[in-house]
Amino acid sequence: MSGQQRSDRVAREGPIALGLLLCLGAWAPPTGSQTEAPVPPAEAGDEFGQVPRDPDDASFMSPPNNQLGQWSAGRDRPITRGFDDDHRVQLTAVPTYAAFRVPFIGRGSTPLRGGGVGLELDIRMLRWLFLRVHASHTVHPVFEETGFDADANEVVLFANGGLVHATNTGGSIVYALDIGRFVPRVDVGAGLLFVRSPTAAQPGQWGAECRQGGVCDLGLSCSADDLCTPTPAPELHAGIGLDVLLGQRWAVGLSLRYYALLQALAQLPVYVHGSVRLSVRF
């Protein structure tokens, strides 16, 4: 090949060869003499050891913001605790609506409605079980009851007007189901019911002679003198209630309780309480 021919070939193939060399150089593996890009230092608290370039690659925040880790770690305690685990004693004032559901002598079958107040003391025995002692007093206004005797052609007095007083005292076992701010309660127990009605207008009422068979009005019994005298009546009761916690010390709620007398278990209920509950806990 002549010199002129070699010069022409180099002129033709020179650009092609130069392009191939540049491509090969660009894809060549790095060597020790090649300068590498510096790696930024890891920031404090960066669990991945490098600055994230994608927001989705960011490290988890500290709990309790719903990230990995123990949920309770570092969480502020709420004003109202999630579990009612602190108090040992609860004292409750109980404004009460009450009604007798059994007839009194001379007064027909209309319920005797009234109201009063009660006091309850709950003492914790187990985490979910309490011992309760309670006392309440209610008053029930009643009117004078009369009727017309056609045979005698005169008005007959059946019962005097006034107030029927009911005092109850007893004890209960209370099951409390703590579900946070709301605390349902179920109680079952026994006690004594004292009933005082207006003075007698006919036999069987307070202070009058007993009726045939020793029958007397509710809360009375036939004495040895054949007179109806006040006597405490043993009772059984069961109730339900709901307390709403207002912080660590206070609670409000509602309750309903039914009473039955041991001497008249067939008559259910004899006495009913519907109450508002105002509690302080220690």
C-alpha atoms as a PDB file:
ATOM      1  CA  MET A   1       0.000   0.000   0.000  1.00  0.00           C
ATOM      2  CA  SER A   2       1.433   3.327  -1.019  1.00  0.00           C
ATOM      3  CA  GLY A   3       1.825   6.279   1.287  1.00  0.00           C
ATOM      4  CA  GLN A   4      -0.947   8.151  -0.399  1.00  0.00           C
ATOM      5  CA  GLN A   5      -3.334   5.234   0.120  1.00  0.00           C
ATOM      6  CA  ARG A   6      -2.426   4.966   3.844  1.00  0.00           C
ATOM      7  CA  SER A   7      -3.096   8.672   4.334  1.00  0.00           C
ATOM      8  CA  ASP A   8      -6.508   8.355   2.702  1.00  0.00           C
ATOM      9  CA  ARG A   9      -7.419   5.313   4.912  1.00  0.00           C
ATOM     10  CA  VAL A  10      -6.432   7.129   8.112  1.00  0.00           C
ATOM     11  CA  ALA A  11      -8.467  10.126   7.056  1.00  0.00           C
ATOM     12  CA  ARG A  12     -11.501   7.858   6.493  1.00  0.00           C
ATOM     13  CA  GLU A  13     -11.212   5.594   9.573  1.00  0.00           C
ATOM     14  CA  GLY A  14      -9.827   8.116  12.077  1.00  0.00           C
ATOM     15  CA  PRO A  15     -13.166   9.550  13.270  1.00  0.00           C
ATOM     16  CA  ILE A  16     -14.660   6.056  13.641  1.00  0.00           C
ATOM     17  CA  ALA A  17     -11.765   4.771  15.744  1.00  0.00           C
ATOM     18  CA  LEU A  18     -11.807   7.876  17.927  1.00  0.00           C
ATOM     19  CA  GLY A  19     -15.512   7.341  18.671  1.00  0.00           C
ATOM     20  CA  LEU A  20     -14.951   3.717  19.667  1.00  0.00           C
ATOM     21  CA  LEU A  21     -12.133   4.702  22.028  1.00  0.00           C
ATOM     22  CA  LEU A  22     -14.269   7.343  23.705  1.00  0.00           C
ATOM     23  CA  CYS A  23     -17.136   4.855  24.231  1.00  0.00           C
ATOM     24  CA  LEU A  24     -14.826   2.243  25.682  1.00  0.00           C
ATOM     25  CA  GLY A  25     -13.301   4.810  27.981  1.00  0.00           C
ATOM     26  CA  ALA A  26     -16.686   5.939  29.264  1.00  0.00           C
ATOM     27  CA  TRP A  27     -17.700   2.389  30.255  1.00  0.00           C
ATOM     28  CA  ALA A  28     -14.321   1.392  31.645  1.00  0.00           C
ATOM     29  CA  PRO A  29     -14.344   0.281  35.323  1.00  0.00           C
ATOM     30  CA  PRO A  30     -12.986   2.803  37.809  1.00  0.00           C
ATOM     31  CA  THR A  31      -9.336   2.539  38.763  1.00  0.00           C
ATOM     32  CA  GLY A  32      -7.575   3.455  41.959  1.00  0.00           C
ATOM     33  CA  SER A  33      -6.217   6.593  40.421  1.00  0.00           C
ATOM     34  CA  GLN A  34      -9.698   7.825  39.449  1.00  0.00           C
ATOM     35  CA  THR A  35     -11.210  10.473  41.751  1.00  0.00           C
ATOM     36  CA  GLU A  36     -14.422   9.201  43.444  1.00  0.00           C
ATOM     37  CA  ALA A  37     -17.346  11.377  44.524  1.00  0.00           C
ATOM     38  CA  PRO A  38     -17.316  12.000  48.314  1.00  0.00           C
ATOM     39  CA  VAL A  39     -20.032  10.284  50.396  1.00  0.00           C
ATOM     40  CA  PRO A  40     -21.842  12.728  52.671  1.00  0.00           C
ATOM     41  CA  PRO A  41     -21.480  11.888  56.399  1.00  0.00           C
ATOM     42  CA  ALA A  42     -24.398  10.234  58.183  1.00  0.00           C
ATOM     43  CA  GLU A  43     -26.521  12.613  60.172  1.00  0.00           C
ATOM     44  CA  ALA A  44     -27.371  12.010  63.828  1.00  0.00           C
ATOM     45  CA  GLY A  45     -30.457   9.804  64.238  1.00  0.00           C
ATOM     46  CA  ASP A  46     -30.267   8.588  60.608  1.00  0.00           C
ATOM     47  CA  GLU A  47     -30.747   4.827  60.918  1.00  0.00           C
ATOM     48  CA  PHE A  48     -29.828   4.223  57.261  1.00  0.00           C
ATOM     49  CA  GLY A  49     -26.395   5.875  57.536  1.00  0.00           C
ATOM     50  CA  GLN A  50     -26.974   8.251  54.634  1.00  0.00           C
ATOM     51  CA  VAL A  51     -29.052  11.233  53.725  1.00  0.00           C
ATOM     52  CA  PRO A  52     -32.273   9.943  52.105  1.00  0.00           C
ATOM     53  CA  ARG A  53     -32.839  11.111  48.547  1.00  0.00           C
ATOM     54  CA  ASP A  54     -36.424   9.903  48.357  1.00  0.00           C
ATOM     55  CA  PRO A  55     -39.059  10.945  50.946  1.00  0.00           C
ATOM     56  CA  ASP A  56     -40.242   7.340  51.072  1.00  0.00           C
ATOM     57  CA  ASP A  57     -36.748   6.276  52.167  1.00  0.00           C
ATOM     58  CA  ALA A  58     -36.774   8.526  55.263  1.00  0.00           C
ATOM     59  CA  SER A  59     -36.140   6.826  58.580  1.00  0.00           C
ATOM     60  CA  PHE A  60     -38.981   6.225  61.041  1.00  0.00           C
ATOM     61  CA  MET A  61     -39.807   8.984  63.497  1.00  0.00           C
ATOM     62  CA  SER A  62     -39.715   8.377  67.216  1.00  0.00           C
ATOM     63  CA  PRO A  63     -42.807   6.744  68.796  1.00  0.00           C
ATOM     64  CA  PRO A  64     -45.641   7.340  69.689  1.00  0.00           C
ATOM     65  CA  ASN A  65     -46.451   8.860  66.277  1.00  0.00           C
ATOM     66  CA  ASN A  66     -47.659   5.538  64.901  1.00  0.00           C
ATOM     67  CA  GLN A  67     -44.227   4.404  63.772  1.00  0.00           C
ATOM     68  CA  LEU A  68     -42.273   1.323  64.705  1.00  0.00           C
ATOM     69  CA  GLY A  69     -41.486   0.975  68.365  1.00  0.00           C
ATOM     70  CA  GLN A  70     -43.401   0.536  71.583  1.00  0.00           C
ATOM     71  CA  TRP A  71     -46.634   2.524  71.358  1.00  0.00           C
ATOM     72  CA  SER A  72     -46.582   3.698  74.984  1.00  0.00           C
ATOM     73  CA  ALA A  73     -42.996   4.955  74.873  1.00  0.00           C
ATOM     74  CA  GLY A  74     -42.916   8.687  75.458  1.00  0.00           C
ATOM     75  CA  ARG A  75     -46.689   9.091  75.275  1.00  0.00           C
ATOM     76  CA  ASP A  76     -48.208  11.757  77.508  1.00  0.00           C
ATOM     77  CA  ARG A  77     -50.695  10.410  80.052  1.00  0.00           C
ATOM     78  CA  PRO A  78     -54.221  11.632  79.296  1.00  0.00           C
ATOM     79  CA  ILE A  79     -56.261  13.620  81.800  1.00  0.00           C
ATOM     80  CA  THR A  80     -58.691  10.709  82.089  1.00  0.00           C
ATOM     81  CA  ARG A  81     -56.807   7.457  82.482  1.00  0.00           C
ATOM     82  CA  GLY A  82     -57.659   4.649  80.118  1.00  0.00           C
ATOM     83  CA  PHE A  83     -58.159   2.191  82.957  1.00  0.00           C
ATOM     84  CA  ASP A  84     -59.776   2.879  86.300  1.00  0.00           C
ATOM     85  CA  ASP A  85     -56.946   1.320  88.290  1.00  0.00           C
ATOM     86  CA  ASP A  86     -56.102   3.946  90.900  1.00  0.00           C
ATOM     87  CA  HIS A  87     -58.974   4.366  93.342  1.00  0.00           C
ATOM     88  CA  ARG A  88     -59.608   2.080  96.293  1.00  0.00           C
ATOM     89  CA  VAL A  89     -62.693   3.801  97.719  1.00  0.00           C
ATOM     90  CA  GLN A  90     -65.604   5.516  95.992  1.00  0.00           C
ATOM     91  CA  LEU A  91     -68.173   7.636  97.828  1.00  0.00           C
ATOM     92  CA  THR A  92     -71.386   8.368  95.918  1.00  0.00           C
ATOM     93  CA  ALA A  93     -74.286  10.718  96.585  1.00  0.00           C
ATOM     94  CA  VAL A  94     -77.447   9.345  94.973  1.00  0.00           C
ATOM     95  CA  PRO A  95     -80.428  11.673  94.324  1.00  0.00           C
ATOM     96  CA  THR A  96     -83.247   9.191  93.757  1.00  0.00           C
ATOM     97  CA  TYR A  97     -86.643   8.791  92.163  1.00  0.00           C
ATOM     98  CA  ALA A  98     -88.492   5.948  93.906  1.00  0.00           C
ATOM     99  CA  ALA A  99     -91.836   4.171  93.633  1.00  0.00           C
ATOM    100  CA  PHE A 100     -93.712   1.489  95.543  1.00  0.00           C
ATOM    101  CA  ARG A 101     -95.258  -0.968  93.092  1.00  0.00           C
ATOM    102  CA  VAL A 102     -97.515  -2.802  95.561  1.00  0.00           C
ATOM    103  CA  PRO A 103    -100.926  -1.627  96.864  1.00  0.00           C
ATOM    104  CA  PHE A 104    -101.313  -0.215 100.347  1.00  0.00           C
ATOM    105  CA  ILE A 105    -104.476  -0.927 102.313  1.00  0.00           C
ATOM    106  CA  GLY A 106    -107.151   1.576 101.350  1.00  0.00           C
ATOM    107  CA  ARG A 107    -105.105   3.151  98.522  1.00  0.00           C
ATOM    108  CA  GLY A 108    -105.784   0.940  95.525  1.00  0.00           C
ATOM    109  CA  SER A 109    -103.136  -0.298  93.114  1.00  0.00           C
ATOM    110  CA  THR A 110    -101.733   3.055  91.960  1.00  0.00           C
ATOM    111  CA  PRO A 111     -97.914   3.218  92.429  1.00  0.00           C
ATOM    112  CA  LEU A 112     -96.763   5.559  95.171  1.00  0.00           C
ATOM    113  CA  ARG A 113     -94.145   7.788  93.561  1.00  0.00           C
ATOM    114  CA  GLY A 114     -91.686   9.946  95.417  1.00  0.00           C
ATOM    115  CA  GLY A 115     -88.037  10.811  95.791  1.00  0.00           C
ATOM    116  CA  GLY A 116     -85.159  11.179  98.180  1.00  0.00           C
ATOM    117  CA  VAL A 117     -81.431  10.731  98.489  1.00  0.00           C
ATOM    118  CA  GLY A 118     -78.983   7.931  99.188  1.00  0.00           C
ATOM    119  CA  LEU A 119     -75.332   7.424 100.026  1.00  0.00           C
ATOM    120  CA  GLU A 120     -73.086   4.592  98.802  1.00  0.00           C
ATOM    121  CA  LEU A 121     -69.579   3.571  99.821  1.00  0.00           C
ATOM    122  CA  ASP A 122     -67.711   1.188  97.493  1.00  0.00           C
ATOM    123  CA  ILE A 123     -64.513  -0.520  98.695  1.00  0.00           C
ATOM    124  CA  ARG A 124     -62.351  -2.400  96.194  1.00  0.00           C
ATOM    125  CA  MET A 125     -61.790  -6.079  96.946  1.00  0.00           C
ATOM    126  CA  LEU A 126     -60.388  -7.144  93.555  1.00  0.00           C
ATOM    127  CA  ARG A 127     -59.612  -5.145  90.427  1.00  0.00           C
ATOM    128  CA  TRP A 128     -63.151  -5.674  89.157  1.00  0.00           C
ATOM    129  CA  LEU A 129     -65.052  -6.457  92.409  1.00  0.00           C
ATOM    130  CA  PHE A 130     -66.267  -4.055  95.095  1.00  0.00           C
ATOM    131  CA  LEU A 131     -68.049  -4.345  98.427  1.00  0.00           C
ATOM    132  CA  ARG A 132     -70.784  -1.712  98.806  1.00  0.00           C
ATOM    133  CA  VAL A 133     -72.649  -0.474 101.852  1.00  0.00           C
ATOM    134  CA  HIS A 134     -75.498   1.936 101.260  1.00  0.00           C
ATOM    135  CA  ALA A 135     -78.364   3.778 102.906  1.00  0.00           C
ATOM    136  CA  SER A 136     -81.245   5.757 101.396  1.00  0.00           C
ATOM    137  CA  HIS A 137     -84.383   7.573 102.451  1.00  0.00           C
ATOM    138  CA  THR A 138     -87.342   8.474 100.232  1.00  0.00           C
ATOM    139  CA  VAL A 139     -90.719  10.136 100.885  1.00  0.00           C
ATOM    140  CA  HIS A 140     -93.946   9.485  98.960  1.00  0.00           C
ATOM    141  CA  PRO A 141     -96.830  11.965  99.247  1.00  0.00           C
ATOM    142  CA  VAL A 142    -100.263  10.317  99.523  1.00  0.00           C
ATOM    143  CA  PHE A 143    -103.731  11.830  99.573  1.00  0.00           C
ATOM    144  CA  GLU A 144    -106.666  11.107 101.780  1.00  0.00           C
ATOM    145  CA  GLU A 145    -108.713   8.271 100.319  1.00  0.00           C
ATOM    146  CA  THR A 146    -112.487   8.216 100.828  1.00  0.00           C
ATOM    147  CA  GLY A 147    -115.501   6.397  99.460  1.00  0.00           C
ATOM    148  CA  PHE A 148    -119.280   6.594  99.672  1.00  0.00           C
ATOM    149  CA  ASP A 149    -121.139   3.930 101.651  1.00  0.00           C
ATOM    150  CA  ALA A 150    -124.550   3.647 100.044  1.00  0.00           C
ATOM    151  CA  ASP A 151    -125.958   1.520 102.862  1.00  0.00           C
ATOM    152  CA  ALA A 152    -125.047   4.062 105.535  1.00  0.00           C
ATOM    153  CA  ASN A 153    -125.459   6.987 103.114  1.00  0.00           C
ATOM    154  CA  GLU A 154    -122.215   8.555 104.290  1.00  0.00           C
ATOM    155  CA  VAL A 155    -118.610   9.167 103.215  1.00  0.00           C
ATOM    156  CA  VAL A 156    -116.180   6.586 104.593  1.00  0.00           C
ATOM    157  CA  LEU A 157    -112.493   7.317 105.225  1.00  0.00           C
ATOM    158  CA  PHE A 158    -110.275   4.582 103.773  1.00  0.00           C
ATOM    159  CA  ALA A 159    -106.795   6.083 104.381  1.00  0.00           C
ATOM    160  CA  ASN A 160    -105.357   9.273 105.786  1.00  0.00           C
ATOM    161  CA  GLY A 161    -103.263  11.672 103.742  1.00  0.00           C
ATOM    162  CA  GLY A 162     -99.648  12.451 104.519  1.00  0.00           C
ATOM    163  CA  LEU A 163     -96.272  10.939 103.660  1.00  0.00           C
ATOM    164  CA  VAL A 164     -95.083   7.375 103.318  1.00  0.00           C
ATOM    165  CA  HIS A 165     -91.437   7.173 104.439  1.00  0.00           C
ATOM    166  CA  ALA A 166     -89.089   4.448 103.223  1.00  0.00           C
ATOM    167  CA  THR A 167     -85.621   3.908 104.645  1.00  0.00           C
ATOM    168  CA  ASN A 168     -83.333   1.266 103.215  1.00  0.00           C
ATOM    169  CA  THR A 169     -79.934   0.089 104.386  1.00  0.00           C
ATOM    170  CA  GLY A 170     -77.885  -2.873 103.223  1.00  0.00           C
ATOM    171  CA  GLY A 171     -74.862  -4.239 101.454  1.00  0.00           C
ATOM    172  CA  SER A 172     -74.019  -5.408  97.932  1.00  0.00           C
ATOM    173  CA  ILE A 173     -71.389  -7.095  95.831  1.00  0.00           C
ATOM    174  CA  VAL A 174     -70.589  -4.879  92.832  1.00  0.00           C
ATOM    175  CA  TYR A 175     -69.018  -6.014  89.570  1.00  0.00           C
ATOM    176  CA  ALA A 176     -67.427  -3.113  87.674  1.00  0.00           C
ATOM    177  CA  LEU A 177     -66.419  -3.543  84.030  1.00  0.00           C
ATOM    178  CA  ASP A 178     -63.864  -0.860  83.199  1.00  0.00           C
ATOM    179  CA  ILE A 179     -63.882   0.105  79.518  1.00  0.00           C
ATOM    180  CA  GLY A 180     -62.037   3.393  79.788  1.00  0.00           C
ATOM    181  CA  ARG A 181     -64.071   6.506  80.437  1.00  0.00           C
ATOM    182  CA  PHE A 182     -67.246   4.432  80.932  1.00  0.00           C
ATOM    183  CA  VAL A 183     -67.639   2.008  83.864  1.00  0.00           C
ATOM    184  CA  PRO A 184     -70.774  -0.192  83.880  1.00  0.00           C
ATOM    185  CA  ARG A 185     -71.659  -1.627  87.296  1.00  0.00           C
ATOM    186  CA  VAL A 186     -73.891  -4.521  88.362  1.00  0.00           C
ATOM    187  CA  ASP A 187     -74.784  -4.979  92.035  1.00  0.00           C
ATOM    188  CA  VAL A 188     -76.614  -7.725  93.938  1.00  0.00           C
ATOM    189  CA  GLY A 189     -77.268  -7.658  97.669  1.00  0.00           C
ATOM    190  CA  ALA A 190     -79.624  -7.662 100.624  1.00  0.00           C
ATOM    191  CA  GLY A 191     -80.731  -5.329 103.374  1.00  0.00           C
ATOM    192  CA  LEU A 192     -83.600  -4.039 105.497  1.00  0.00           C
ATOM    193  CA  LEU A 193     -86.493  -1.838 104.359  1.00  0.00           C
ATOM    194  CA  PHE A 194     -88.278   0.353 106.931  1.00  0.00           C
ATOM    195  CA  VAL A 195     -91.671   1.737 105.817  1.00  0.00           C
ATOM    196  CA  ARG A 196     -93.712   4.310 107.763  1.00  0.00           C
ATOM    197  CA  SER A 197     -97.196   5.198 106.514  1.00  0.00           C
ATOM    198  CA  PRO A 198     -99.775   7.683 107.879  1.00  0.00           C
ATOM    199  CA  THR A 199    -101.766   6.748 110.964  1.00  0.00           C
ATOM    200  CA  ALA A 200    -104.621   4.273 110.690  1.00  0.00           C
ATOM    201  CA  ALA A 201    -108.064   4.972 109.310  1.00  0.00           C
ATOM    202  CA  GLN A 202    -109.064   1.300 109.247  1.00  0.00           C
ATOM    203  CA  PRO A 203    -107.788  -2.103 110.485  1.00  0.00           C
ATOM    204  CA  GLY A 204    -104.465  -3.249 109.097  1.00  0.00           C
ATOM    205  CA  GLN A 205    -102.930   0.220 109.009  1.00  0.00           C
ATOM    206  CA  TRP A 206    -100.327   1.664 111.390  1.00  0.00           C
ATOM    207  CA  GLY A 207    -101.538   1.606 114.971  1.00  0.00           C
ATOM    208  CA  ALA A 208    -104.860  -0.141 114.278  1.00  0.00           C
ATOM    209  CA  GLU A 209    -105.838  -3.707 115.044  1.00  0.00           C
ATOM    210  CA  CYS A 210    -104.644  -6.465 112.748  1.00  0.00           C
ATOM    211  CA  ARG A 211    -106.890  -7.810 110.042  1.00  0.00           C
ATOM    212  CA  GLN A 212    -108.055 -11.408 109.966  1.00  0.00           C
ATOM    213  CA  GLY A 213    -105.081 -13.740 109.754  1.00  0.00           C
ATOM    214  CA  GLY A 214    -102.687 -11.142 111.218  1.00  0.00           C
ATOM    215  CA  VAL A 215    -102.575  -9.109 107.974  1.00  0.00           C
ATOM    216  CA  CYS A 216    -101.063  -5.613 108.196  1.00  0.00           C
ATOM    217  CA  ASP A 217     -99.934  -2.986 105.691  1.00  0.00           C
ATOM    218  CA  LEU A 218     -96.506  -2.991 104.015  1.00  0.00           C
ATOM    219  CA  GLY A 219     -93.791  -2.382 106.593  1.00  0.00           C
ATOM    220  CA  LEU A 220     -96.008  -3.410 109.518  1.00  0.00           C
ATOM    221  CA  SER A 221     -96.444  -6.654 111.410  1.00  0.00           C
ATOM    222  CA  CYS A 222     -99.028  -7.929 113.873  1.00  0.00           C
ATOM    223  CA  SER A 223     -97.743  -7.648 117.435  1.00  0.00           C
ATOM    224  CA  ALA A 224     -98.662  -9.754 120.458  1.00  0.00           C
ATOM    225  CA  ASP A 225    -101.258  -7.087 121.311  1.00  0.00           C
ATOM    226  CA  ASP A 226    -102.937  -7.684 117.940  1.00  0.00           C
ATOM    227  CA  LEU A 227    -101.839  -4.251 116.685  1.00  0.00           C
ATOM    228  CA  CYS A 228    -100.027  -3.344 113.468  1.00  0.00           C
ATOM    229  CA  THR A 229     -96.588  -1.965 114.415  1.00  0.00           C
ATOM    230  CA  PRO A 230     -93.593  -0.926 112.258  1.00  0.00           C
ATOM    231  CA  THR A 231     -91.171  -3.768 111.550  1.00  0.00           C
ATOM    232  CA  PRO A 232     -88.096  -3.788 109.264  1.00  0.00           C
ATOM    233  CA  ALA A 233     -88.624  -6.079 106.291  1.00  0.00           C
ATOM    234  CA  PRO A 234     -85.695  -8.137 104.906  1.00  0.00           C
ATOM    235  CA  GLU A 235     -85.192  -7.400 101.224  1.00  0.00           C
ATOM    236  CA  LEU A 236     -83.163  -8.559  98.234  1.00  0.00           C
ATOM    237  CA  HIS A 237     -82.122  -6.146  95.516  1.00  0.00           C
ATOM    238  CA  ALA A 238     -80.332  -6.057  92.184  1.00  0.00           C
ATOM    239  CA  GLY A 239     -79.318  -3.102  90.080  1.00  0.00           C
ATOM    240  CA  ILE A 240     -77.328  -1.815  87.139  1.00  0.00           C
ATOM    241  CA  GLY A 241     -75.521   1.472  86.704  1.00  0.00           C
ATOM    242  CA  LEU A 242     -73.134   3.390  84.466  1.00  0.00           C
ATOM    243  CA  ASP A 243     -70.450   5.804  85.662  1.00  0.00           C
ATOM    244  CA  VAL A 244     -68.746   8.319  83.357  1.00  0.00           C
ATOM    245  CA  LEU A 245     -65.285   9.300  84.605  1.00  0.00           C
ATOM    246  CA  LEU A 246     -64.465  13.014  84.827  1.00  0.00           C
ATOM    247  CA  GLY A 247     -60.745  12.832  85.497  1.00  0.00           C
ATOM    248  CA  GLN A 248     -58.996  10.982  88.292  1.00  0.00           C
ATOM    249  CA  ARG A 249     -61.316  11.942  91.154  1.00  0.00           C
ATOM    250  CA  TRP A 250     -64.856  12.585  89.898  1.00  0.00           C
ATOM    251  CA  ALA A 251     -67.562  10.628  88.117  1.00  0.00           C
ATOM    252  CA  VAL A 252     -71.234  11.000  87.261  1.00  0.00           C
ATOM    253  CA  GLY A 253     -73.712   8.358  86.205  1.00  0.00           C
ATOM    254  CA  LEU A 254     -77.146   6.753  86.325  1.00  0.00           C
ATOM    255  CA  SER A 255     -78.448   3.628  88.044  1.00  0.00           C
ATOM    256  CA  LEU A 256     -81.600   1.524  88.363  1.00  0.00           C
ATOM    257  CA  ARG A 257     -82.331  -0.875  91.235  1.00  0.00           C
ATOM    258  CA  TYR A 258     -85.206  -3.271  91.995  1.00  0.00           C
ATOM    259  CA  TYR A 259     -86.192  -4.500  95.462  1.00  0.00           C
ATOM    260  CA  ALA A 260     -88.113  -7.602  96.540  1.00  0.00           C
ATOM    261  CA  LEU A 261     -89.261  -8.523 100.053  1.00  0.00           C
ATOM    262  CA  LEU A 262     -88.450 -11.966 101.420  1.00  0.00           C
ATOM    263  CA  GLN A 263     -91.964 -12.179 102.833  1.00  0.00           C
ATOM    264  CA  ALA A 264     -93.514 -11.456  99.423  1.00  0.00           C
ATOM    265  CA  LEU A 265     -91.203 -12.826  96.719  1.00  0.00           C
ATOM    266  CA  ALA A 266     -94.189 -13.372  94.429  1.00  0.00           C
ATOM    267  CA  GLN A 267     -94.637  -9.597  94.212  1.00  0.00           C
ATOM    268  CA  LEU A 268     -91.875  -8.242  91.973  1.00  0.00           C
ATOM    269  CA  PRO A 269     -90.798  -5.558  92.241  1.00  0.00           C
ATOM    270  CA  VAL A 270     -92.033  -4.097  95.524  1.00  0.00           C
ATOM    271  CA  TYR A 271     -89.822  -1.005  95.429  1.00  0.00           C
ATOM    272  CA  VAL A 272     -87.869   0.660  92.577  1.00  0.00           C
ATOM    273  CA  HIS A 273     -85.039   3.210  92.566  1.00  0.00           C
ATOM    274  CA  GLY A 274     -83.971   5.300  89.577  1.00  0.00           C
ATOM    275  CA  SER A 275     -80.989   7.447  90.534  1.00  0.00           C
ATOM    276  CA  VAL A 276     -78.411   9.977  89.438  1.00  0.00           C
ATOM    277  CA  ARG A 277     -74.905   9.208  90.714  1.00  0.00           C
ATOM    278  CA  LEU A 278     -72.357  11.836  91.819  1.00  0.00           C
ATOM    279  CA  SER A 279     -69.105  10.143  92.887  1.00  0.00           C
ATOM    280  CA  VAL A 280     -65.717  11.072  94.309  1.00  0.00           C
ATOM    281  CA  ARG A 281     -62.899   8.507  94.253  1.00  0.00           C
ATOM    282  CA  PHE A 282     -59.862   8.082  96.475  1.00  0.00           C
END
